Amino acid sequence: MFGDTRALGRRIPQLFVGLALYGVSMALMLRSGLGLDPWDVLHQGLQRTVGLSVGAWVTICGALVLLLWIPLRQRPGLGTVANVLVIGAAMDLTLEALGSPGSLPARIALSAAAIALNGLATGLYIGARLGPGPRDGLMTGLHRRTGRSLRLIRTGIEVTVLTVGLLLGGTVGVGTVAYALAIGPMVQLFLPWCTVPVPAGDSRKG
């Protein structure tokens, strides 16, 4: 499950720091008011339609997506479970402590900082190699079961949740487009620096 246990002294703290920062980045993006990433459009739409906090919906949706792993025969890791439990809580705590900026330049700066922080956070928790997040595991599980390309599956999932979230009243804007364009390069930038080396025979376990 853990691969090279000698590296756990770095991998576990890095995992939880990455997940916490991911939640913080989501809160910053919401406070910018310039648009959210597709899954958070859904989470915000559910919050506006049903109630509860946005962070609570992050947790609930993560748990529901994790249930979809069962027919796909995906096996969760520590990072998978921690993803469900930590990100939503970190998001709600940040939202309670942070107000919305008033000026447009401040909102743009906040959105840009959120996207950069999200890229770093993604690199940290993926680089810990302790299991994918529920949504990433759904994508890879569908890829393995259907044979369709990862790009096609990811696009299909994100278009679906974005559409549902938009219909429920989630915020779509320039920040949504900026996230879609920037997050891949940002993760590619940070991931090599954040990936914990493990022996080749253990890499599949992280």
N, C-alpha and C. Protein backbone atom coordinates (compact mmCIF):
# COMPACT_ATOMS: atom_id res chain seq x y z
N MET A 1 0.83 -1.22 0.00
CA MET A 1 0.00 0.00 0.00
C MET A 1 0.85 1.26 0.00
N PHE A 2 1.94 1.23 0.83
CA PHE A 2 2.73 2.44 0.99
C PHE A 2 4.00 2.44 0.17
N GLY A 3 4.35 1.31 -0.47
CA GLY A 3 5.58 1.27 -1.25
C GLY A 3 6.79 1.35 -0.33
N ASP A 4 7.72 2.22 -0.64
CA ASP A 4 8.95 2.36 0.13
C ASP A 4 8.66 3.07 1.44
N THR A 5 8.61 2.30 2.54
CA THR A 5 8.25 2.89 3.84
C THR A 5 9.32 3.85 4.34
N ARG A 6 10.52 3.77 3.83
CA ARG A 6 11.58 4.70 4.26
C ARG A 6 11.25 6.13 3.89
N ALA A 7 10.42 6.31 2.88
CA ALA A 7 10.08 7.66 2.43
C ALA A 7 8.79 8.20 3.07
N LEU A 8 8.17 7.40 3.96
CA LEU A 8 6.89 7.83 4.52
C LEU A 8 7.01 9.09 5.36
N GLY A 9 8.20 9.30 5.95
CA GLY A 9 8.39 10.51 6.74
C GLY A 9 8.23 11.77 5.93
N ARG A 10 8.40 11.68 4.62
CA ARG A 10 8.11 12.82 3.74
C ARG A 10 6.75 12.67 3.08
N ARG A 11 6.39 11.47 2.66
CA ARG A 11 5.22 11.28 1.81
C ARG A 11 3.91 11.61 2.54
N ILE A 12 3.75 11.15 3.77
CA ILE A 12 2.49 11.40 4.48
C ILE A 12 2.31 12.88 4.80
N PRO A 13 3.31 13.56 5.39
CA PRO A 13 3.12 15.01 5.60
C PRO A 13 2.89 15.76 4.30
N GLN A 14 3.62 15.39 3.24
CA GLN A 14 3.44 16.07 1.96
C GLN A 14 2.03 15.87 1.43
N LEU A 15 1.48 14.67 1.60
CA LEU A 15 0.11 14.39 1.17
C LEU A 15 -0.87 15.34 1.84
N PHE A 16 -0.79 15.44 3.16
CA PHE A 16 -1.77 16.24 3.89
C PHE A 16 -1.57 17.74 3.67
N VAL A 17 -0.33 18.17 3.52
CA VAL A 17 -0.08 19.59 3.18
C VAL A 17 -0.68 19.88 1.80
N GLY A 18 -0.44 18.99 0.85
CA GLY A 18 -0.98 19.18 -0.49
C GLY A 18 -2.50 19.24 -0.51
N LEU A 19 -3.14 18.34 0.22
CA LEU A 19 -4.60 18.33 0.25
C LEU A 19 -5.15 19.58 0.93
N ALA A 20 -4.51 20.00 2.02
CA ALA A 20 -4.97 21.21 2.69
C ALA A 20 -4.82 22.43 1.79
N LEU A 21 -3.68 22.54 1.11
CA LEU A 21 -3.48 23.67 0.20
C LEU A 21 -4.45 23.63 -0.97
N TYR A 22 -4.81 22.42 -1.39
CA TYR A 22 -5.80 22.29 -2.46
C TYR A 22 -7.13 22.90 -2.02
N GLY A 23 -7.55 22.59 -0.78
CA GLY A 23 -8.78 23.18 -0.26
C GLY A 23 -8.69 24.68 -0.15
N VAL A 24 -7.53 25.18 0.29
CA VAL A 24 -7.32 26.63 0.38
C VAL A 24 -7.44 27.27 -1.00
N SER A 25 -6.82 26.64 -2.00
CA SER A 25 -6.85 27.20 -3.36
C SER A 25 -8.27 27.26 -3.90
N MET A 26 -9.07 26.26 -3.60
CA MET A 26 -10.47 26.26 -4.05
C MET A 26 -11.25 27.40 -3.40
N ALA A 27 -10.98 27.63 -2.12
CA ALA A 27 -11.64 28.74 -1.42
C ALA A 27 -11.24 30.08 -2.00
N LEU A 28 -9.95 30.25 -2.31
CA LEU A 28 -9.48 31.51 -2.91
C LEU A 28 -10.16 31.75 -4.25
N MET A 29 -10.30 30.70 -5.02
CA MET A 29 -10.92 30.85 -6.33
C MET A 29 -12.40 31.23 -6.19
N LEU A 30 -13.06 30.64 -5.22
CA LEU A 30 -14.47 30.99 -4.99
C LEU A 30 -14.59 32.45 -4.55
N ARG A 31 -13.72 32.88 -3.64
CA ARG A 31 -13.78 34.26 -3.15
C ARG A 31 -13.45 35.27 -4.24
N SER A 32 -12.71 34.87 -5.27
CA SER A 32 -12.40 35.81 -6.36
C SER A 32 -13.66 36.19 -7.14
N GLY A 33 -14.63 35.30 -7.16
CA GLY A 33 -15.89 35.57 -7.87
C GLY A 33 -15.78 35.61 -9.37
N LEU A 34 -14.69 35.07 -9.92
CA LEU A 34 -14.46 35.13 -11.37
C LEU A 34 -14.69 33.80 -12.08
N GLY A 35 -15.20 32.83 -11.36
CA GLY A 35 -15.45 31.52 -11.97
C GLY A 35 -14.65 30.43 -11.28
N LEU A 36 -15.21 29.24 -11.30
CA LEU A 36 -14.63 28.10 -10.59
C LEU A 36 -14.24 27.00 -11.56
N ASP A 37 -13.44 26.05 -11.08
CA ASP A 37 -13.16 24.87 -11.89
C ASP A 37 -14.44 24.03 -11.99
N PRO A 38 -14.55 23.13 -12.97
CA PRO A 38 -15.82 22.42 -13.22
C PRO A 38 -16.42 21.74 -12.00
N TRP A 39 -15.62 21.01 -11.24
CA TRP A 39 -16.19 20.31 -10.08
C TRP A 39 -16.70 21.29 -9.03
N ASP A 40 -16.02 22.41 -8.84
CA ASP A 40 -16.48 23.38 -7.86
C ASP A 40 -17.70 24.15 -8.34
N VAL A 41 -17.88 24.27 -9.65
CA VAL A 41 -19.14 24.81 -10.17
C VAL A 41 -20.29 23.91 -9.71
N LEU A 42 -20.07 22.60 -9.79
CA LEU A 42 -21.08 21.65 -9.31
C LEU A 42 -21.29 21.77 -7.81
N HIS A 43 -20.19 21.81 -7.05
CA HIS A 43 -20.31 21.90 -5.59
C HIS A 43 -21.05 23.17 -5.17
N GLN A 44 -20.73 24.30 -5.80
CA GLN A 44 -21.39 25.55 -5.46
C GLN A 44 -22.86 25.51 -5.88
N GLY A 45 -23.12 24.92 -7.05
CA GLY A 45 -24.51 24.80 -7.48
C GLY A 45 -25.34 23.98 -6.52
N LEU A 46 -24.78 22.89 -6.02
CA LEU A 46 -25.48 22.06 -5.03
C LEU A 46 -25.70 22.83 -3.73
N GLN A 47 -24.69 23.62 -3.32
CA GLN A 47 -24.83 24.42 -2.11
C GLN A 47 -25.95 25.44 -2.25
N ARG A 48 -26.04 26.06 -3.41
CA ARG A 48 -27.07 27.08 -3.62
C ARG A 48 -28.46 26.48 -3.78
N THR A 49 -28.52 25.26 -4.26
CA THR A 49 -29.81 24.62 -4.52
C THR A 49 -30.32 23.84 -3.30
N VAL A 50 -29.44 23.12 -2.65
CA VAL A 50 -29.84 22.20 -1.58
C VAL A 50 -29.53 22.74 -0.20
N GLY A 51 -28.42 23.47 -0.08
CA GLY A 51 -27.98 23.91 1.23
C GLY A 51 -26.64 23.27 1.57
N LEU A 52 -26.27 23.30 2.85
CA LEU A 52 -24.97 22.85 3.34
C LEU A 52 -23.88 23.78 2.80
N SER A 53 -22.66 23.56 3.21
CA SER A 53 -21.55 24.39 2.75
C SER A 53 -20.96 23.82 1.47
N VAL A 54 -20.20 24.66 0.77
CA VAL A 54 -19.53 24.17 -0.44
C VAL A 54 -18.55 23.06 -0.08
N GLY A 55 -17.80 23.25 1.01
CA GLY A 55 -16.86 22.23 1.44
C GLY A 55 -17.54 20.92 1.78
N ALA A 56 -18.74 20.99 2.37
CA ALA A 56 -19.48 19.76 2.66
C ALA A 56 -19.82 19.02 1.38
N TRP A 57 -20.17 19.75 0.34
CA TRP A 57 -20.48 19.11 -0.95
C TRP A 57 -19.23 18.56 -1.61
N VAL A 58 -18.09 19.19 -1.40
CA VAL A 58 -16.83 18.62 -1.88
C VAL A 58 -16.63 17.23 -1.27
N THR A 59 -16.88 17.13 0.03
CA THR A 59 -16.72 15.85 0.74
C THR A 59 -17.77 14.84 0.29
N ILE A 60 -19.03 15.26 0.21
CA ILE A 60 -20.11 14.35 -0.17
C ILE A 60 -19.90 13.82 -1.59
N CYS A 61 -19.59 14.71 -2.51
CA CYS A 61 -19.38 14.27 -3.90
C CYS A 61 -18.16 13.37 -4.01
N GLY A 62 -17.12 13.67 -3.25
CA GLY A 62 -15.95 12.82 -3.26
C GLY A 62 -16.28 11.41 -2.80
N ALA A 63 -17.10 11.32 -1.74
CA ALA A 63 -17.49 10.00 -1.23
C ALA A 63 -18.38 9.27 -2.24
N LEU A 64 -19.29 9.99 -2.89
CA LEU A 64 -20.16 9.35 -3.89
C LEU A 64 -19.36 8.86 -5.09
N VAL A 65 -18.39 9.68 -5.53
CA VAL A 65 -17.54 9.25 -6.64
C VAL A 65 -16.73 8.02 -6.25
N LEU A 66 -16.29 7.98 -5.00
CA LEU A 66 -15.52 6.83 -4.52
C LEU A 66 -16.35 5.55 -4.59
N LEU A 67 -17.65 5.65 -4.37
CA LEU A 67 -18.52 4.47 -4.50
C LEU A 67 -18.52 3.93 -5.93
N LEU A 68 -18.33 4.83 -6.90
CA LEU A 68 -18.29 4.39 -8.30
C LEU A 68 -17.04 3.57 -8.60
N TRP A 69 -16.07 3.61 -7.71
CA TRP A 69 -14.88 2.79 -7.89
C TRP A 69 -15.18 1.30 -7.76
N ILE A 70 -16.25 0.96 -7.03
CA ILE A 70 -16.53 -0.45 -6.74
C ILE A 70 -16.75 -1.25 -8.02
N PRO A 71 -17.69 -0.82 -8.90
CA PRO A 71 -17.84 -1.60 -10.14
C PRO A 71 -16.63 -1.50 -11.08
N LEU A 72 -15.83 -0.45 -10.91
CA LEU A 72 -14.63 -0.30 -11.74
C LEU A 72 -13.44 -1.08 -11.17
N ARG A 73 -13.63 -1.67 -9.98
CA ARG A 73 -12.60 -2.46 -9.33
C ARG A 73 -11.32 -1.66 -9.07
N GLN A 74 -11.53 -0.40 -8.70
CA GLN A 74 -10.42 0.45 -8.30
C GLN A 74 -10.16 0.25 -6.81
N ARG A 75 -8.90 0.33 -6.41
CA ARG A 75 -8.53 0.16 -5.02
C ARG A 75 -8.04 1.50 -4.45
N PRO A 76 -8.73 2.05 -3.45
CA PRO A 76 -8.30 3.33 -2.88
C PRO A 76 -7.05 3.17 -2.02
N GLY A 77 -6.29 4.24 -1.93
CA GLY A 77 -5.14 4.29 -1.04
C GLY A 77 -5.39 5.29 0.07
N LEU A 78 -4.39 5.47 0.91
CA LEU A 78 -4.51 6.46 1.98
C LEU A 78 -4.81 7.84 1.41
N GLY A 79 -4.14 8.17 0.31
CA GLY A 79 -4.37 9.48 -0.30
C GLY A 79 -5.78 9.66 -0.81
N THR A 80 -6.40 8.57 -1.24
CA THR A 80 -7.78 8.64 -1.74
C THR A 80 -8.74 9.00 -0.62
N VAL A 81 -8.62 8.29 0.49
CA VAL A 81 -9.50 8.55 1.64
C VAL A 81 -9.23 9.93 2.22
N ALA A 82 -7.95 10.28 2.35
CA ALA A 82 -7.60 11.59 2.89
C ALA A 82 -8.14 12.71 1.99
N ASN A 83 -8.12 12.49 0.69
CA ASN A 83 -8.66 13.47 -0.26
C ASN A 83 -10.11 13.80 0.07
N VAL A 84 -10.90 12.76 0.34
CA VAL A 84 -12.32 12.96 0.65
C VAL A 84 -12.48 13.74 1.95
N LEU A 85 -11.65 13.46 2.93
CA LEU A 85 -11.85 14.02 4.27
C LEU A 85 -11.24 15.41 4.46
N VAL A 86 -10.14 15.71 3.77
CA VAL A 86 -9.37 16.90 4.10
C VAL A 86 -9.74 18.11 3.25
N ILE A 87 -9.93 17.93 1.95
CA ILE A 87 -10.05 19.08 1.05
C ILE A 87 -11.27 19.94 1.39
N GLY A 88 -12.42 19.32 1.55
CA GLY A 88 -13.63 20.09 1.85
C GLY A 88 -13.54 20.84 3.16
N ALA A 89 -12.96 20.19 4.19
CA ALA A 89 -12.80 20.85 5.49
C ALA A 89 -11.87 22.04 5.38
N ALA A 90 -10.75 21.88 4.66
CA ALA A 90 -9.81 22.99 4.48
C ALA A 90 -10.46 24.13 3.71
N MET A 91 -11.29 23.80 2.75
CA MET A 91 -11.97 24.83 1.98
C MET A 91 -12.92 25.63 2.87
N ASP A 92 -13.73 24.95 3.67
CA ASP A 92 -14.69 25.65 4.53
C ASP A 92 -13.99 26.51 5.56
N LEU A 93 -12.90 26.02 6.14
CA LEU A 93 -12.16 26.81 7.13
C LEU A 93 -11.60 28.08 6.50
N THR A 94 -11.10 27.96 5.28
CA THR A 94 -10.55 29.14 4.58
C THR A 94 -11.65 30.13 4.23
N LEU A 95 -12.79 29.63 3.80
CA LEU A 95 -13.91 30.52 3.46
C LEU A 95 -14.39 31.29 4.68
N GLU A 96 -14.36 30.65 5.84
CA GLU A 96 -14.78 31.33 7.07
C GLU A 96 -13.81 32.46 7.45
N ALA A 97 -12.54 32.27 7.12
CA ALA A 97 -11.52 33.24 7.53
C ALA A 97 -11.27 34.33 6.50
N LEU A 98 -11.73 34.12 5.26
CA LEU A 98 -11.36 35.02 4.16
C LEU A 98 -12.60 35.65 3.54
N GLY A 99 -12.57 36.97 3.42
CA GLY A 99 -13.65 37.67 2.74
C GLY A 99 -13.35 37.83 1.25
N SER A 100 -14.30 38.43 0.54
CA SER A 100 -14.14 38.64 -0.90
C SER A 100 -13.53 40.01 -1.16
N PRO A 101 -12.52 40.11 -2.03
CA PRO A 101 -11.94 41.42 -2.35
C PRO A 101 -12.93 42.27 -3.13
N GLY A 102 -12.82 43.58 -2.96
CA GLY A 102 -13.78 44.45 -3.61
C GLY A 102 -13.41 44.87 -5.02
N SER A 103 -12.13 45.12 -5.28
CA SER A 103 -11.73 45.64 -6.58
C SER A 103 -11.47 44.52 -7.57
N LEU A 104 -11.64 44.84 -8.85
CA LEU A 104 -11.41 43.85 -9.90
C LEU A 104 -9.94 43.40 -9.96
N PRO A 105 -8.96 44.32 -9.87
CA PRO A 105 -7.57 43.85 -9.88
C PRO A 105 -7.26 42.87 -8.75
N ALA A 106 -7.82 43.12 -7.57
CA ALA A 106 -7.59 42.22 -6.44
C ALA A 106 -8.23 40.86 -6.70
N ARG A 107 -9.40 40.87 -7.32
CA ARG A 107 -10.07 39.61 -7.63
C ARG A 107 -9.29 38.82 -8.68
N ILE A 108 -8.76 39.52 -9.67
CA ILE A 108 -7.95 38.85 -10.70
C ILE A 108 -6.69 38.24 -10.07
N ALA A 109 -6.04 39.03 -9.19
CA ALA A 109 -4.83 38.53 -8.52
C ALA A 109 -5.16 37.32 -7.66
N LEU A 110 -6.30 37.35 -6.98
CA LEU A 110 -6.69 36.24 -6.13
C LEU A 110 -6.96 34.98 -6.95
N SER A 111 -7.62 35.15 -8.08
CA SER A 111 -7.89 34.01 -8.96
C SER A 111 -6.60 33.42 -9.51
N ALA A 112 -5.67 34.28 -9.93
CA ALA A 112 -4.39 33.79 -10.45
C ALA A 112 -3.60 33.07 -9.37
N ALA A 113 -3.60 33.62 -8.15
CA ALA A 113 -2.90 32.96 -7.04
C ALA A 113 -3.53 31.61 -6.72
N ALA A 114 -4.86 31.55 -6.81
CA ALA A 114 -5.57 30.31 -6.53
C ALA A 114 -5.19 29.22 -7.52
N ILE A 115 -5.09 29.57 -8.79
CA ILE A 115 -4.75 28.59 -9.82
C ILE A 115 -3.32 28.10 -9.63
N ALA A 116 -2.39 29.03 -9.34
CA ALA A 116 -1.00 28.64 -9.10
C ALA A 116 -0.89 27.74 -7.87
N LEU A 117 -1.59 28.10 -6.80
CA LEU A 117 -1.56 27.29 -5.59
C LEU A 117 -2.18 25.92 -5.82
N ASN A 118 -3.23 25.88 -6.64
CA ASN A 118 -3.86 24.61 -6.96
C ASN A 118 -2.90 23.69 -7.71
N GLY A 119 -2.11 24.27 -8.62
CA GLY A 119 -1.11 23.48 -9.33
C GLY A 119 -0.07 22.91 -8.40
N LEU A 120 0.43 23.74 -7.46
CA LEU A 120 1.40 23.27 -6.48
C LEU A 120 0.79 22.19 -5.59
N ALA A 121 -0.43 22.43 -5.11
CA ALA A 121 -1.09 21.46 -4.24
C ALA A 121 -1.30 20.12 -4.94
N THR A 122 -1.68 20.18 -6.21
CA THR A 122 -1.87 18.95 -6.98
C THR A 122 -0.55 18.19 -7.10
N GLY A 123 0.52 18.92 -7.39
CA GLY A 123 1.83 18.29 -7.47
C GLY A 123 2.24 17.65 -6.16
N LEU A 124 1.92 18.30 -5.05
CA LEU A 124 2.29 17.76 -3.74
C LEU A 124 1.54 16.46 -3.43
N TYR A 125 0.22 16.46 -3.62
CA TYR A 125 -0.50 15.25 -3.20
C TYR A 125 -0.34 14.11 -4.20
N ILE A 126 -0.22 14.42 -5.48
CA ILE A 126 0.06 13.35 -6.45
C ILE A 126 1.49 12.84 -6.25
N GLY A 127 2.43 13.76 -6.02
CA GLY A 127 3.82 13.39 -5.85
C GLY A 127 4.08 12.55 -4.62
N ALA A 128 3.18 12.58 -3.64
CA ALA A 128 3.32 11.74 -2.45
C ALA A 128 3.10 10.26 -2.76
N ARG A 129 2.44 9.97 -3.86
CA ARG A 129 2.24 8.59 -4.34
C ARG A 129 1.54 7.70 -3.31
N LEU A 130 0.46 8.21 -2.74
CA LEU A 130 -0.29 7.44 -1.75
C LEU A 130 -1.72 7.18 -2.20
N GLY A 131 -1.96 7.27 -3.49
CA GLY A 131 -3.28 6.98 -4.02
C GLY A 131 -3.90 8.19 -4.68
N PRO A 132 -4.60 8.01 -5.80
CA PRO A 132 -5.22 9.13 -6.50
C PRO A 132 -6.47 9.64 -5.78
N GLY A 133 -6.87 10.86 -6.10
CA GLY A 133 -8.13 11.36 -5.60
C GLY A 133 -9.30 10.61 -6.22
N PRO A 134 -10.49 10.68 -5.61
CA PRO A 134 -11.64 9.94 -6.14
C PRO A 134 -11.95 10.26 -7.59
N ARG A 135 -11.86 11.54 -7.97
CA ARG A 135 -12.22 11.93 -9.33
C ARG A 135 -11.18 11.46 -10.34
N ASP A 136 -9.89 11.53 -9.95
CA ASP A 136 -8.84 11.03 -10.82
C ASP A 136 -8.95 9.52 -10.99
N GLY A 137 -9.28 8.83 -9.90
CA GLY A 137 -9.44 7.38 -9.98
C GLY A 137 -10.63 6.97 -10.83
N LEU A 138 -11.69 7.77 -10.80
CA LEU A 138 -12.83 7.50 -11.68
C LEU A 138 -12.41 7.59 -13.13
N MET A 139 -11.62 8.60 -13.44
CA MET A 139 -11.15 8.80 -14.81
C MET A 139 -10.29 7.62 -15.27
N THR A 140 -9.31 7.25 -14.45
CA THR A 140 -8.42 6.16 -14.85
C THR A 140 -9.15 4.82 -14.87
N GLY A 141 -10.12 4.64 -13.96
CA GLY A 141 -10.89 3.40 -13.96
C GLY A 141 -11.74 3.26 -15.21
N LEU A 142 -12.38 4.35 -15.61
CA LEU A 142 -13.18 4.31 -16.84
C LEU A 142 -12.29 4.09 -18.06
N HIS A 143 -11.11 4.68 -18.03
CA HIS A 143 -10.16 4.47 -19.12
C HIS A 143 -9.79 2.99 -19.24
N ARG A 144 -9.51 2.38 -18.12
CA ARG A 144 -9.11 0.98 -18.14
C ARG A 144 -10.25 0.06 -18.57
N ARG A 145 -11.46 0.36 -18.13
CA ARG A 145 -12.60 -0.51 -18.41
C ARG A 145 -13.16 -0.34 -19.81
N THR A 146 -13.07 0.90 -20.34
CA THR A 146 -13.68 1.18 -21.65
C THR A 146 -12.68 1.21 -22.78
N GLY A 147 -11.42 1.46 -22.47
CA GLY A 147 -10.41 1.59 -23.52
C GLY A 147 -10.39 2.95 -24.18
N ARG A 148 -11.26 3.86 -23.75
CA ARG A 148 -11.27 5.21 -24.31
C ARG A 148 -10.08 6.00 -23.80
N SER A 149 -9.71 7.05 -24.53
CA SER A 149 -8.56 7.85 -24.13
C SER A 149 -8.85 8.61 -22.84
N LEU A 150 -7.78 8.84 -22.06
CA LEU A 150 -7.92 9.61 -20.83
C LEU A 150 -8.44 11.01 -21.11
N ARG A 151 -7.95 11.61 -22.21
CA ARG A 151 -8.38 12.97 -22.54
C ARG A 151 -9.87 13.02 -22.81
N LEU A 152 -10.38 12.04 -23.57
CA LEU A 152 -11.81 12.00 -23.88
C LEU A 152 -12.64 11.79 -22.63
N ILE A 153 -12.21 10.87 -21.78
CA ILE A 153 -12.96 10.57 -20.56
C ILE A 153 -12.95 11.77 -19.62
N ARG A 154 -11.79 12.38 -19.43
CA ARG A 154 -11.72 13.54 -18.54
C ARG A 154 -12.58 14.68 -19.07
N THR A 155 -12.50 14.93 -20.37
CA THR A 155 -13.32 15.99 -20.96
C THR A 155 -14.80 15.71 -20.77
N GLY A 156 -15.20 14.47 -20.99
CA GLY A 156 -16.60 14.11 -20.83
C GLY A 156 -17.09 14.30 -19.41
N ILE A 157 -16.28 13.88 -18.44
CA ILE A 157 -16.66 14.03 -17.03
C ILE A 157 -16.78 15.50 -16.67
N GLU A 158 -15.77 16.30 -17.06
CA GLU A 158 -15.77 17.69 -16.64
C GLU A 158 -16.84 18.52 -17.34
N VAL A 159 -17.12 18.22 -18.59
CA VAL A 159 -18.22 18.91 -19.27
C VAL A 159 -19.55 18.57 -18.60
N THR A 160 -19.71 17.32 -18.20
CA THR A 160 -20.95 16.90 -17.54
C THR A 160 -21.15 17.62 -16.21
N VAL A 161 -20.12 17.60 -15.35
CA VAL A 161 -20.29 18.23 -14.04
C VAL A 161 -20.39 19.75 -14.17
N LEU A 162 -19.69 20.33 -15.14
CA LEU A 162 -19.79 21.77 -15.37
C LEU A 162 -21.20 22.15 -15.80
N THR A 163 -21.78 21.37 -16.70
CA THR A 163 -23.13 21.66 -17.18
C THR A 163 -24.15 21.55 -16.06
N VAL A 164 -24.06 20.47 -15.28
CA VAL A 164 -24.99 20.29 -14.16
C VAL A 164 -24.82 21.41 -13.15
N GLY A 165 -23.56 21.75 -12.82
CA GLY A 165 -23.31 22.81 -11.86
C GLY A 165 -23.83 24.16 -12.34
N LEU A 166 -23.66 24.43 -13.61
CA LEU A 166 -24.16 25.69 -14.18
C LEU A 166 -25.67 25.75 -14.09
N LEU A 167 -26.34 24.66 -14.39
CA LEU A 167 -27.80 24.62 -14.30
C LEU A 167 -28.29 24.79 -12.86
N LEU A 168 -27.47 24.40 -11.90
CA LEU A 168 -27.82 24.53 -10.50
C LEU A 168 -27.45 25.90 -9.92
N GLY A 169 -26.78 26.73 -10.72
CA GLY A 169 -26.45 28.08 -10.26
C GLY A 169 -25.01 28.29 -9.87
N GLY A 170 -24.12 27.38 -10.23
CA GLY A 170 -22.70 27.56 -9.95
C GLY A 170 -22.10 28.66 -10.81
N THR A 171 -20.95 29.20 -10.37
CA THR A 171 -20.33 30.34 -11.02
C THR A 171 -19.35 29.91 -12.11
N VAL A 172 -19.63 30.32 -13.34
CA VAL A 172 -18.74 30.08 -14.47
C VAL A 172 -18.31 31.45 -15.00
N GLY A 173 -17.02 31.59 -15.25
CA GLY A 173 -16.53 32.88 -15.74
C GLY A 173 -15.13 32.76 -16.30
N VAL A 174 -14.45 33.89 -16.34
CA VAL A 174 -13.11 33.90 -16.92
C VAL A 174 -12.16 33.03 -16.10
N GLY A 175 -12.40 32.92 -14.80
CA GLY A 175 -11.57 32.06 -13.97
C GLY A 175 -11.69 30.60 -14.35
N THR A 176 -12.88 30.20 -14.80
CA THR A 176 -13.10 28.82 -15.24
C THR A 176 -12.23 28.53 -16.46
N VAL A 177 -12.23 29.46 -17.40
CA VAL A 177 -11.43 29.29 -18.62
C VAL A 177 -9.94 29.32 -18.28
N ALA A 178 -9.54 30.25 -17.41
CA ALA A 178 -8.14 30.36 -17.03
C ALA A 178 -7.67 29.08 -16.34
N TYR A 179 -8.51 28.52 -15.50
CA TYR A 179 -8.16 27.27 -14.82
C TYR A 179 -7.96 26.16 -15.83
N ALA A 180 -8.89 26.02 -16.76
CA ALA A 180 -8.82 24.96 -17.76
C ALA A 180 -7.53 25.05 -18.58
N LEU A 181 -7.12 26.28 -18.90
CA LEU A 181 -5.93 26.48 -19.74
C LEU A 181 -4.63 26.35 -18.95
N ALA A 182 -4.65 26.75 -17.68
CA ALA A 182 -3.40 26.86 -16.93
C ALA A 182 -3.08 25.68 -16.03
N ILE A 183 -4.09 24.92 -15.60
CA ILE A 183 -3.82 23.93 -14.56
C ILE A 183 -2.89 22.82 -15.05
N GLY A 184 -3.03 22.39 -16.29
CA GLY A 184 -2.14 21.36 -16.81
C GLY A 184 -0.69 21.78 -16.80
N PRO A 185 -0.35 22.93 -17.40
CA PRO A 185 1.04 23.39 -17.34
C PRO A 185 1.55 23.64 -15.92
N MET A 186 0.67 24.12 -15.03
CA MET A 186 1.09 24.36 -13.65
C MET A 186 1.47 23.06 -12.95
N VAL A 187 0.64 22.04 -13.12
CA VAL A 187 0.93 20.74 -12.50
C VAL A 187 2.21 20.16 -13.10
N GLN A 188 2.36 20.29 -14.42
CA GLN A 188 3.56 19.80 -15.09
C GLN A 188 4.81 20.50 -14.55
N LEU A 189 4.68 21.77 -14.20
CA LEU A 189 5.80 22.52 -13.65
C LEU A 189 6.18 22.02 -12.26
N PHE A 190 5.18 21.81 -11.41
CA PHE A 190 5.46 21.50 -10.01
C PHE A 190 5.69 20.02 -9.74
N LEU A 191 5.08 19.14 -10.52
CA LEU A 191 5.11 17.72 -10.19
C LEU A 191 6.52 17.14 -10.11
N PRO A 192 7.43 17.45 -11.05
CA PRO A 192 8.77 16.87 -10.92
C PRO A 192 9.47 17.26 -9.61
N TRP A 193 9.20 18.45 -9.12
CA TRP A 193 9.83 18.90 -7.87
C TRP A 193 9.19 18.25 -6.66
N CYS A 194 7.94 17.82 -6.79
CA CYS A 194 7.19 17.31 -5.65
C CYS A 194 7.15 15.78 -5.57
N THR A 195 7.52 15.10 -6.64
CA THR A 195 7.40 13.65 -6.66
C THR A 195 8.48 13.03 -5.78
N VAL A 196 8.03 12.19 -4.85
CA VAL A 196 8.95 11.49 -3.95
C VAL A 196 9.49 10.26 -4.66
N PRO A 197 10.81 10.12 -4.81
CA PRO A 197 11.35 8.94 -5.49
C PRO A 197 11.07 7.67 -4.69
N VAL A 198 10.59 6.64 -5.38
CA VAL A 198 10.41 5.32 -4.76
C VAL A 198 10.99 4.29 -5.72
N PRO A 199 11.38 3.13 -5.22
CA PRO A 199 11.90 2.10 -6.11
C PRO A 199 10.91 1.74 -7.18
N ALA A 200 11.41 1.38 -8.37
CA ALA A 200 10.54 1.10 -9.51
C ALA A 200 9.52 0.02 -9.20
N GLY A 201 9.90 -0.98 -8.43
CA GLY A 201 8.97 -2.07 -8.12
C GLY A 201 7.86 -1.66 -7.20
N ASP A 202 8.04 -0.50 -6.47
CA ASP A 202 7.02 -0.06 -5.53
C ASP A 202 6.18 1.07 -6.05
N SER A 203 6.51 1.65 -7.23
CA SER A 203 5.83 2.85 -7.72
C SER A 203 4.36 2.63 -7.94
N ARG A 204 3.95 1.40 -8.28
CA ARG A 204 2.53 1.14 -8.52
C ARG A 204 1.71 1.16 -7.24
N LYS A 205 2.40 1.09 -6.08
CA LYS A 205 1.69 1.00 -4.81
C LYS A 205 1.41 2.35 -4.23
N GLY A 206 2.10 3.42 -4.71
CA GLY A 206 1.95 4.72 -4.10
C GLY A 206 0.72 5.45 -4.54
